[in-house]
Amino acid sequence: MKLVFDIETIGEDFDTLDGTTQEVLTHWIKKDSSNEKEYQIALEDLKDGLGFSPLTGEIVAIGILDVEKNKGAVYYQSPDKEEKEFEEEGIKFKAMPEKEMLESFWKVAEKYQDFIGFNSRAFDVPFMVVRSAIHKIKPSKNLLSNRYLNSQIYNAKHIDLLDQLTFYGAVYRRKGGLHLWSRAFGIKSPKANGVTGDDVGKLFKEKKFLDIAKYNVGDLRATKELYEYWEKYVK
């Protein structure tokens, strides 16, 4: 059984962090900046990038999609805003806190053998594993081993399509994101509706939680189609 998965993350508010943490985060940009203007630009980049680390960010949506059934779910955060569970085009939308999202993912993962993502080995899985540890949750599958898909000794096969389509980074100087790969294969890009991953933090602040969940569905469907191309023509 094969499962496509994808996460959306946001960073903490830099201005609410304690002084020691702010100092640790800004130490190097202070050294590397030759003037105040350069420092302020670097500081804004740092603030915008806090969601890329599980130490300064959290997961606000986890999407899953069964390849064979073409059905799945998106677990998403909706703090202080009650959202009823519903289903749309084979996807169930379920609002819950981050801890419950991770528990739900690892419970579903127990039933699957193949896990498919895009840049998931470098980002999604490490992020989920660390955030799970923070919540004292043990993953049900080892998705960080067996990168080269040449062994069956593990309890899961993790297929990172960015790894596979760039031949583990050996061919392309610029690897390209999911949008560019979708465009090349004639797949509807998850950015087609005007939302990008960079918008997730802003949408969360605006309490547009369902918009984030639906953007995640676009990632799931594009990744599934890209996987089908890879399996048929590249694998």
C-alpha atoms as a PDB file:
ATOM      1  CA  MET A   1       0.000   0.000   0.000  1.00  0.00           C
ATOM      2  CA  LYS A   2       1.246   3.454  -0.979  1.00  0.00           C
ATOM      3  CA  LEU A   3       0.720   6.753   0.845  1.00  0.00           C
ATOM      4  CA  VAL A   4       1.516  10.265  -0.388  1.00  0.00           C
ATOM      5  CA  PHE A   5       2.145  12.747   2.419  1.00  0.00           C
ATOM      6  CA  ASP A   6       2.964  16.430   2.833  1.00  0.00           C
ATOM      7  CA  ILE A   7       3.155  18.978   5.643  1.00  0.00           C
ATOM      8  CA  GLU A   8       2.712  22.733   6.036  1.00  0.00           C
ATOM      9  CA  THR A   9       4.603  24.609   8.747  1.00  0.00           C
ATOM     10  CA  ILE A  10       4.800  28.039  10.361  1.00  0.00           C
ATOM     11  CA  GLY A  11       7.432  29.712  12.528  1.00  0.00           C
ATOM     12  CA  GLU A  12       7.166  31.248  15.949  1.00  0.00           C
ATOM     13  CA  ASP A  13       6.814  35.019  16.305  1.00  0.00           C
ATOM     14  CA  PHE A  14      10.428  36.200  16.658  1.00  0.00           C
ATOM     15  CA  ASP A  15       9.418  39.183  18.798  1.00  0.00           C
ATOM     16  CA  THR A  16       7.880  36.896  21.443  1.00  0.00           C
ATOM     17  CA  LEU A  17      11.022  34.757  21.842  1.00  0.00           C
ATOM     18  CA  ASP A  18      13.154  35.178  24.942  1.00  0.00           C
ATOM     19  CA  GLY A  19      16.276  37.292  24.705  1.00  0.00           C
ATOM     20  CA  THR A  20      18.714  34.383  24.810  1.00  0.00           C
ATOM     21  CA  THR A  21      16.974  32.633  21.925  1.00  0.00           C
ATOM     22  CA  GLN A  22      16.897  35.834  19.884  1.00  0.00           C
ATOM     23  CA  GLU A  23      20.621  36.307  20.509  1.00  0.00           C
ATOM     24  CA  VAL A  24      21.436  32.725  19.465  1.00  0.00           C
ATOM     25  CA  LEU A  25      19.412  33.088  16.262  1.00  0.00           C
ATOM     26  CA  THR A  26      20.877  36.468  15.296  1.00  0.00           C
ATOM     27  CA  HIS A  27      24.496  35.846  16.349  1.00  0.00           C
ATOM     28  CA  TRP A  28      25.814  35.026  12.888  1.00  0.00           C
ATOM     29  CA  ILE A  29      23.838  37.569  10.925  1.00  0.00           C
ATOM     30  CA  LYS A  30      25.177  40.289  13.212  1.00  0.00           C
ATOM     31  CA  LYS A  31      28.716  39.149  12.413  1.00  0.00           C
ATOM     32  CA  ASP A  32      28.095  38.823   8.690  1.00  0.00           C
ATOM     33  CA  SER A  33      26.277  42.137   8.211  1.00  0.00           C
ATOM     34  CA  SER A  34      28.509  45.104   7.385  1.00  0.00           C
ATOM     35  CA  ASN A  35      25.873  47.717   8.223  1.00  0.00           C
ATOM     36  CA  GLU A  36      22.464  48.155   9.815  1.00  0.00           C
ATOM     37  CA  LYS A  37      20.612  47.915   6.498  1.00  0.00           C
ATOM     38  CA  GLU A  38      22.170  44.537   5.696  1.00  0.00           C
ATOM     39  CA  TYR A  39      21.381  43.354   9.218  1.00  0.00           C
ATOM     40  CA  GLN A  40      17.716  44.330   8.960  1.00  0.00           C
ATOM     41  CA  ILE A  41      17.369  42.508   5.618  1.00  0.00           C
ATOM     42  CA  ALA A  42      19.019  39.408   7.076  1.00  0.00           C
ATOM     43  CA  LEU A  43      16.825  39.666  10.186  1.00  0.00           C
ATOM     44  CA  GLU A  44      13.648  39.697   8.115  1.00  0.00           C
ATOM     45  CA  ASP A  45      14.868  36.640   6.196  1.00  0.00           C
ATOM     46  CA  LEU A  46      15.571  34.913   9.503  1.00  0.00           C
ATOM     47  CA  LYS A  47      12.105  35.722  10.835  1.00  0.00           C
ATOM     48  CA  ASP A  48      10.498  34.439   7.637  1.00  0.00           C
ATOM     49  CA  GLY A  49      12.519  31.215   7.873  1.00  0.00           C
ATOM     50  CA  LEU A  50      11.670  30.171  11.433  1.00  0.00           C
ATOM     51  CA  GLY A  51       9.062  27.764  10.083  1.00  0.00           C
ATOM     52  CA  PHE A  52      11.742  25.701   8.347  1.00  0.00           C
ATOM     53  CA  SER A  53      13.085  24.352  11.648  1.00  0.00           C
ATOM     54  CA  PRO A  54      11.173  22.129  14.093  1.00  0.00           C
ATOM     55  CA  LEU A  55      13.010  23.995  16.879  1.00  0.00           C
ATOM     56  CA  THR A  56      11.376  27.324  16.010  1.00  0.00           C
ATOM     57  CA  GLY A  57       8.335  26.173  14.057  1.00  0.00           C
ATOM     58  CA  GLU A  58       5.390  23.808  14.156  1.00  0.00           C
ATOM     59  CA  ILE A  59       3.197  21.808  11.807  1.00  0.00           C
ATOM     60  CA  VAL A  60      -0.149  23.352  10.903  1.00  0.00           C
ATOM     61  CA  ALA A  61      -1.281  20.740   8.360  1.00  0.00           C
ATOM     62  CA  ILE A  62      -0.471  17.132   7.509  1.00  0.00           C
ATOM     63  CA  GLY A  63      -1.972  15.703   4.341  1.00  0.00           C
ATOM     64  CA  ILE A  64      -2.178  12.051   3.336  1.00  0.00           C
ATOM     65  CA  LEU A  65      -3.429  10.453   0.115  1.00  0.00           C
ATOM     66  CA  ASP A  66      -3.813   6.747  -0.658  1.00  0.00           C
ATOM     67  CA  VAL A  67      -2.402   6.239  -4.165  1.00  0.00           C
ATOM     68  CA  GLU A  68      -4.607   3.295  -5.150  1.00  0.00           C
ATOM     69  CA  LYS A  69      -7.872   4.567  -3.634  1.00  0.00           C
ATOM     70  CA  ASN A  70      -7.209   8.237  -4.471  1.00  0.00           C
ATOM     71  CA  LYS A  71      -8.695   9.128  -1.090  1.00  0.00           C
ATOM     72  CA  GLY A  72      -7.116  10.775   1.898  1.00  0.00           C
ATOM     73  CA  ALA A  73      -7.285  13.336   4.655  1.00  0.00           C
ATOM     74  CA  VAL A  74      -5.829  16.610   5.818  1.00  0.00           C
ATOM     75  CA  TYR A  75      -5.302  17.117   9.525  1.00  0.00           C
ATOM     76  CA  TYR A  76      -4.958  20.820  10.238  1.00  0.00           C
ATOM     77  CA  GLN A  77      -4.742  23.233  13.110  1.00  0.00           C
ATOM     78  CA  SER A  78      -7.640  25.572  13.749  1.00  0.00           C
ATOM     79  CA  PRO A  79      -6.941  27.177  17.147  1.00  0.00           C
ATOM     80  CA  ASP A  80      -9.790  29.094  18.769  1.00  0.00           C
ATOM     81  CA  LYS A  81     -11.986  28.402  15.762  1.00  0.00           C
ATOM     82  CA  GLU A  82     -14.325  25.427  15.716  1.00  0.00           C
ATOM     83  CA  GLU A  83     -14.326  23.568  12.404  1.00  0.00           C
ATOM     84  CA  LYS A  84     -16.628  20.660  11.654  1.00  0.00           C
ATOM     85  CA  GLU A  85     -15.175  17.597   9.963  1.00  0.00           C
ATOM     86  CA  PHE A  86     -16.251  17.248   6.329  1.00  0.00           C
ATOM     87  CA  GLU A  87     -15.271  15.480   3.126  1.00  0.00           C
ATOM     88  CA  GLU A  88     -14.670  16.994  -0.303  1.00  0.00           C
ATOM     89  CA  GLU A  89     -13.619  15.119  -3.449  1.00  0.00           C
ATOM     90  CA  GLY A  90     -12.381  12.140  -1.482  1.00  0.00           C
ATOM     91  CA  ILE A  91     -10.451  14.175   1.092  1.00  0.00           C
ATOM     92  CA  LYS A  92     -11.543  14.364   4.729  1.00  0.00           C
ATOM     93  CA  PHE A  93     -10.754  17.617   6.528  1.00  0.00           C
ATOM     94  CA  LYS A  94     -10.183  17.222  10.268  1.00  0.00           C
ATOM     95  CA  ALA A  95      -9.191  20.076  12.575  1.00  0.00           C
ATOM     96  CA  MET A  96      -7.002  19.183  15.579  1.00  0.00           C
ATOM     97  CA  PRO A  97      -3.908  20.349  17.527  1.00  0.00           C
ATOM     98  CA  GLU A  98      -0.421  19.481  16.300  1.00  0.00           C
ATOM     99  CA  LYS A  99       0.021  16.588  18.756  1.00  0.00           C
ATOM    100  CA  GLU A 100      -3.182  14.893  17.583  1.00  0.00           C
ATOM    101  CA  MET A 101      -2.220  15.501  13.951  1.00  0.00           C
ATOM    102  CA  LEU A 102       1.028  13.626  14.452  1.00  0.00           C
ATOM    103  CA  GLU A 103      -0.638  10.835  16.406  1.00  0.00           C
ATOM    104  CA  SER A 104      -3.191  10.441  13.613  1.00  0.00           C
ATOM    105  CA  PHE A 105      -0.499  10.351  10.927  1.00  0.00           C
ATOM    106  CA  TRP A 106       1.614   7.696  12.634  1.00  0.00           C
ATOM    107  CA  LYS A 107      -1.472   5.594  13.319  1.00  0.00           C
ATOM    108  CA  VAL A 108      -2.436   5.634   9.631  1.00  0.00           C
ATOM    109  CA  ALA A 109       1.197   5.018   8.657  1.00  0.00           C
ATOM    110  CA  GLU A 110       1.131   1.626  10.374  1.00  0.00           C
ATOM    111  CA  LYS A 111      -1.019   0.292   7.502  1.00  0.00           C
ATOM    112  CA  TYR A 112       1.318   1.363   4.687  1.00  0.00           C
ATOM    113  CA  GLN A 113       4.604   0.143   3.244  1.00  0.00           C
ATOM    114  CA  ASP A 114       5.505   2.784   0.626  1.00  0.00           C
ATOM    115  CA  PHE A 115       5.592   6.504   1.533  1.00  0.00           C
ATOM    116  CA  ILE A 116       5.855   9.132  -1.196  1.00  0.00           C
ATOM    117  CA  GLY A 117       6.781  12.781  -0.777  1.00  0.00           C
ATOM    118  CA  PHE A 118       8.586  15.656  -2.475  1.00  0.00           C
ATOM    119  CA  ASN A 119      11.725  16.892  -0.690  1.00  0.00           C
ATOM    120  CA  SER A 120      10.331  14.832   2.153  1.00  0.00           C
ATOM    121  CA  ARG A 121      13.596  13.247   3.238  1.00  0.00           C
ATOM    122  CA  ALA A 122      15.305  16.603   3.731  1.00  0.00           C
ATOM    123  CA  PHE A 123      12.307  18.432   5.200  1.00  0.00           C
ATOM    124  CA  ASP A 124       8.942  16.777   5.960  1.00  0.00           C
ATOM    125  CA  VAL A 125      10.106  13.631   7.731  1.00  0.00           C
ATOM    126  CA  PRO A 126      12.877  15.154   9.903  1.00  0.00           C
ATOM    127  CA  PHE A 127      10.447  17.919  10.874  1.00  0.00           C
ATOM    128  CA  MET A 128       7.738  15.399  11.808  1.00  0.00           C
ATOM    129  CA  VAL A 129      10.131  13.169  13.732  1.00  0.00           C
ATOM    130  CA  VAL A 130      11.467  16.040  15.855  1.00  0.00           C
ATOM    131  CA  ARG A 131       8.027  17.520  16.474  1.00  0.00           C
ATOM    132  CA  SER A 132       6.792  14.029  17.412  1.00  0.00           C
ATOM    133  CA  ALA A 133       9.644  13.687  19.915  1.00  0.00           C
ATOM    134  CA  ILE A 134       8.761  17.072  21.410  1.00  0.00           C
ATOM    135  CA  HIS A 135       5.235  15.734  21.984  1.00  0.00           C
ATOM    136  CA  LYS A 136       6.634  12.395  23.272  1.00  0.00           C
ATOM    137  CA  ILE A 137       5.263  10.469  20.287  1.00  0.00           C
ATOM    138  CA  LYS A 138       7.245   7.575  18.817  1.00  0.00           C
ATOM    139  CA  PRO A 139       6.970   7.187  15.011  1.00  0.00           C
ATOM    140  CA  SER A 140       5.400   3.915  13.875  1.00  0.00           C
ATOM    141  CA  LYS A 141       7.622   3.735  10.771  1.00  0.00           C
ATOM    142  CA  ASN A 142      11.276   4.485  10.072  1.00  0.00           C
ATOM    143  CA  LEU A 143      11.111   6.917   7.141  1.00  0.00           C
ATOM    144  CA  LEU A 144      14.694   8.155   7.348  1.00  0.00           C
ATOM    145  CA  SER A 145      16.519   4.958   6.409  1.00  0.00           C
ATOM    146  CA  ASN A 146      17.036   3.203   3.084  1.00  0.00           C
ATOM    147  CA  ARG A 147      17.478   6.342   0.974  1.00  0.00           C
ATOM    148  CA  TYR A 148      18.564   4.425  -2.122  1.00  0.00           C
ATOM    149  CA  LEU A 149      15.559   2.051  -2.190  1.00  0.00           C
ATOM    150  CA  ASN A 150      17.845  -0.964  -2.499  1.00  0.00           C
ATOM    151  CA  SER A 151      17.015  -2.883   0.651  1.00  0.00           C
ATOM    152  CA  GLN A 152      13.892  -4.443   2.120  1.00  0.00           C
ATOM    153  CA  ILE A 153      15.160  -4.858   5.674  1.00  0.00           C
ATOM    154  CA  TYR A 154      13.248  -1.836   6.949  1.00  0.00           C
ATOM    155  CA  ASN A 155       9.546  -1.602   7.774  1.00  0.00           C
ATOM    156  CA  ALA A 156       8.923   1.135   5.203  1.00  0.00           C
ATOM    157  CA  LYS A 157      10.101   2.421   1.834  1.00  0.00           C
ATOM    158  CA  HIS A 158      10.348   6.198   1.609  1.00  0.00           C
ATOM    159  CA  ILE A 159      10.346   7.515  -1.952  1.00  0.00           C
ATOM    160  CA  ASP A 160      11.412  11.153  -2.056  1.00  0.00           C
ATOM    161  CA  LEU A 161      10.596  12.231  -5.609  1.00  0.00           C
ATOM    162  CA  LEU A 162      13.069  15.102  -5.532  1.00  0.00           C
ATOM    163  CA  ASP A 163      15.791  12.553  -4.791  1.00  0.00           C
ATOM    164  CA  GLN A 164      14.583  10.245  -7.533  1.00  0.00           C
ATOM    165  CA  LEU A 165      13.959  12.772 -10.296  1.00  0.00           C
ATOM    166  CA  THR A 166      17.308  14.511  -9.766  1.00  0.00           C
ATOM    167  CA  PHE A 167      19.051  11.141  -9.370  1.00  0.00           C
ATOM    168  CA  TYR A 168      20.060  12.041  -5.818  1.00  0.00           C
ATOM    169  CA  GLY A 169      21.223  15.479  -6.939  1.00  0.00           C
ATOM    170  CA  ALA A 170      23.745  14.148  -9.451  1.00  0.00           C
ATOM    171  CA  VAL A 171      22.308  15.712 -12.602  1.00  0.00           C
ATOM    172  CA  TYR A 172      20.775  19.123 -12.045  1.00  0.00           C
ATOM    173  CA  ARG A 173      22.490  22.207 -10.708  1.00  0.00           C
ATOM    174  CA  ARG A 174      19.134  23.612  -9.677  1.00  0.00           C
ATOM    175  CA  LYS A 175      16.789  20.928  -8.445  1.00  0.00           C
ATOM    176  CA  GLY A 176      13.539  22.860  -8.873  1.00  0.00           C
ATOM    177  CA  GLY A 177      10.487  22.844  -6.635  1.00  0.00           C
ATOM    178  CA  LEU A 178       7.210  20.981  -6.970  1.00  0.00           C
ATOM    179  CA  HIS A 179       5.774  23.767  -9.158  1.00  0.00           C
ATOM    180  CA  LEU A 180       8.507  23.447 -11.787  1.00  0.00           C
ATOM    181  CA  TRP A 181       8.341  19.671 -11.851  1.00  0.00           C
ATOM    182  CA  SER A 182       4.540  19.780 -12.124  1.00  0.00           C
ATOM    183  CA  ARG A 183       4.782  22.294 -14.971  1.00  0.00           C
ATOM    184  CA  ALA A 184       7.276  20.131 -16.863  1.00  0.00           C
ATOM    185  CA  PHE A 185       4.993  17.089 -16.709  1.00  0.00           C
ATOM    186  CA  GLY A 186       1.767  18.972 -17.429  1.00  0.00           C
ATOM    187  CA  ILE A 187       0.440  18.486 -13.900  1.00  0.00           C
ATOM    188  CA  LYS A 188      -1.735  21.116 -12.228  1.00  0.00           C
ATOM    189  CA  SER A 189       0.553  23.007  -9.884  1.00  0.00           C
ATOM    190  CA  PRO A 190      -0.473  23.399  -6.229  1.00  0.00           C
ATOM    191  CA  LYS A 191       0.281  27.092  -6.777  1.00  0.00           C
ATOM    192  CA  ALA A 192      -2.304  27.349  -9.561  1.00  0.00           C
ATOM    193  CA  ASN A 193      -4.907  28.856  -7.218  1.00  0.00           C
ATOM    194  CA  GLY A 194      -2.641  31.690  -6.150  1.00  0.00           C
ATOM    195  CA  VAL A 195      -1.424  30.279  -2.818  1.00  0.00           C
ATOM    196  CA  THR A 196       2.188  29.281  -2.195  1.00  0.00           C
ATOM    197  CA  GLY A 197       4.046  27.787   0.751  1.00  0.00           C
ATOM    198  CA  ASP A 198       5.292  31.267   1.603  1.00  0.00           C
ATOM    199  CA  ASP A 199       1.686  32.339   2.245  1.00  0.00           C
ATOM    200  CA  VAL A 200       0.998  29.752   4.961  1.00  0.00           C
ATOM    201  CA  GLY A 201       2.232  31.893   7.854  1.00  0.00           C
ATOM    202  CA  LYS A 202       0.176  34.879   6.717  1.00  0.00           C
ATOM    203  CA  LEU A 203      -2.935  32.747   6.219  1.00  0.00           C
ATOM    204  CA  PHE A 204      -2.516  31.269   9.682  1.00  0.00           C
ATOM    205  CA  LYS A 205      -2.335  34.728  11.266  1.00  0.00           C
ATOM    206  CA  GLU A 206      -5.490  35.655   9.365  1.00  0.00           C
ATOM    207  CA  LYS A 207      -7.161  32.490  10.739  1.00  0.00           C
ATOM    208  CA  LYS A 208      -7.705  31.138   7.218  1.00  0.00           C
ATOM    209  CA  PHE A 209      -6.959  27.634   8.407  1.00  0.00           C
ATOM    210  CA  LEU A 210      -9.075  25.837   5.846  1.00  0.00           C
ATOM    211  CA  ASP A 211      -7.279  27.680   3.026  1.00  0.00           C
ATOM    212  CA  ILE A 212      -4.033  26.146   4.278  1.00  0.00           C
ATOM    213  CA  ALA A 213      -5.610  22.689   4.370  1.00  0.00           C
ATOM    214  CA  LYS A 214      -6.912  23.019   0.813  1.00  0.00           C
ATOM    215  CA  TYR A 215      -3.526  24.252  -0.414  1.00  0.00           C
ATOM    216  CA  ASN A 216      -2.067  21.096   1.120  1.00  0.00           C
ATOM    217  CA  VAL A 217      -4.463  19.008  -0.972  1.00  0.00           C
ATOM    218  CA  GLY A 218      -2.966  20.566  -4.092  1.00  0.00           C
ATOM    219  CA  ASP A 219       0.478  19.408  -2.969  1.00  0.00           C
ATOM    220  CA  LEU A 220      -0.848  15.890  -2.364  1.00  0.00           C
ATOM    221  CA  ARG A 221      -2.471  15.553  -5.771  1.00  0.00           C
ATOM    222  CA  ALA A 222       0.505  17.003  -7.652  1.00  0.00           C
ATOM    223  CA  THR A 223       2.882  14.676  -5.794  1.00  0.00           C
ATOM    224  CA  LYS A 224       0.690  11.668  -6.565  1.00  0.00           C
ATOM    225  CA  GLU A 225       0.637  12.463 -10.298  1.00  0.00           C
ATOM    226  CA  LEU A 226       4.361  13.109 -10.325  1.00  0.00           C
ATOM    227  CA  TYR A 227       4.925   9.751  -8.620  1.00  0.00           C
ATOM    228  CA  GLU A 228       2.872   8.002 -11.299  1.00  0.00           C
ATOM    229  CA  TYR A 229       5.057   9.575 -14.021  1.00  0.00           C
ATOM    230  CA  TRP A 230       8.210   8.547 -12.169  1.00  0.00           C
ATOM    231  CA  GLU A 231       7.015   4.991 -11.649  1.00  0.00           C
ATOM    232  CA  LYS A 232       5.985   4.526 -15.274  1.00  0.00           C
ATOM    233  CA  TYR A 233       8.762   6.319 -17.151  1.00  0.00           C
ATOM    234  CA  VAL A 234      11.774   6.854 -14.869  1.00  0.00           C
ATOM    235  CA  LYS A 235      11.942   4.136 -12.223  1.00  0.00           C
END
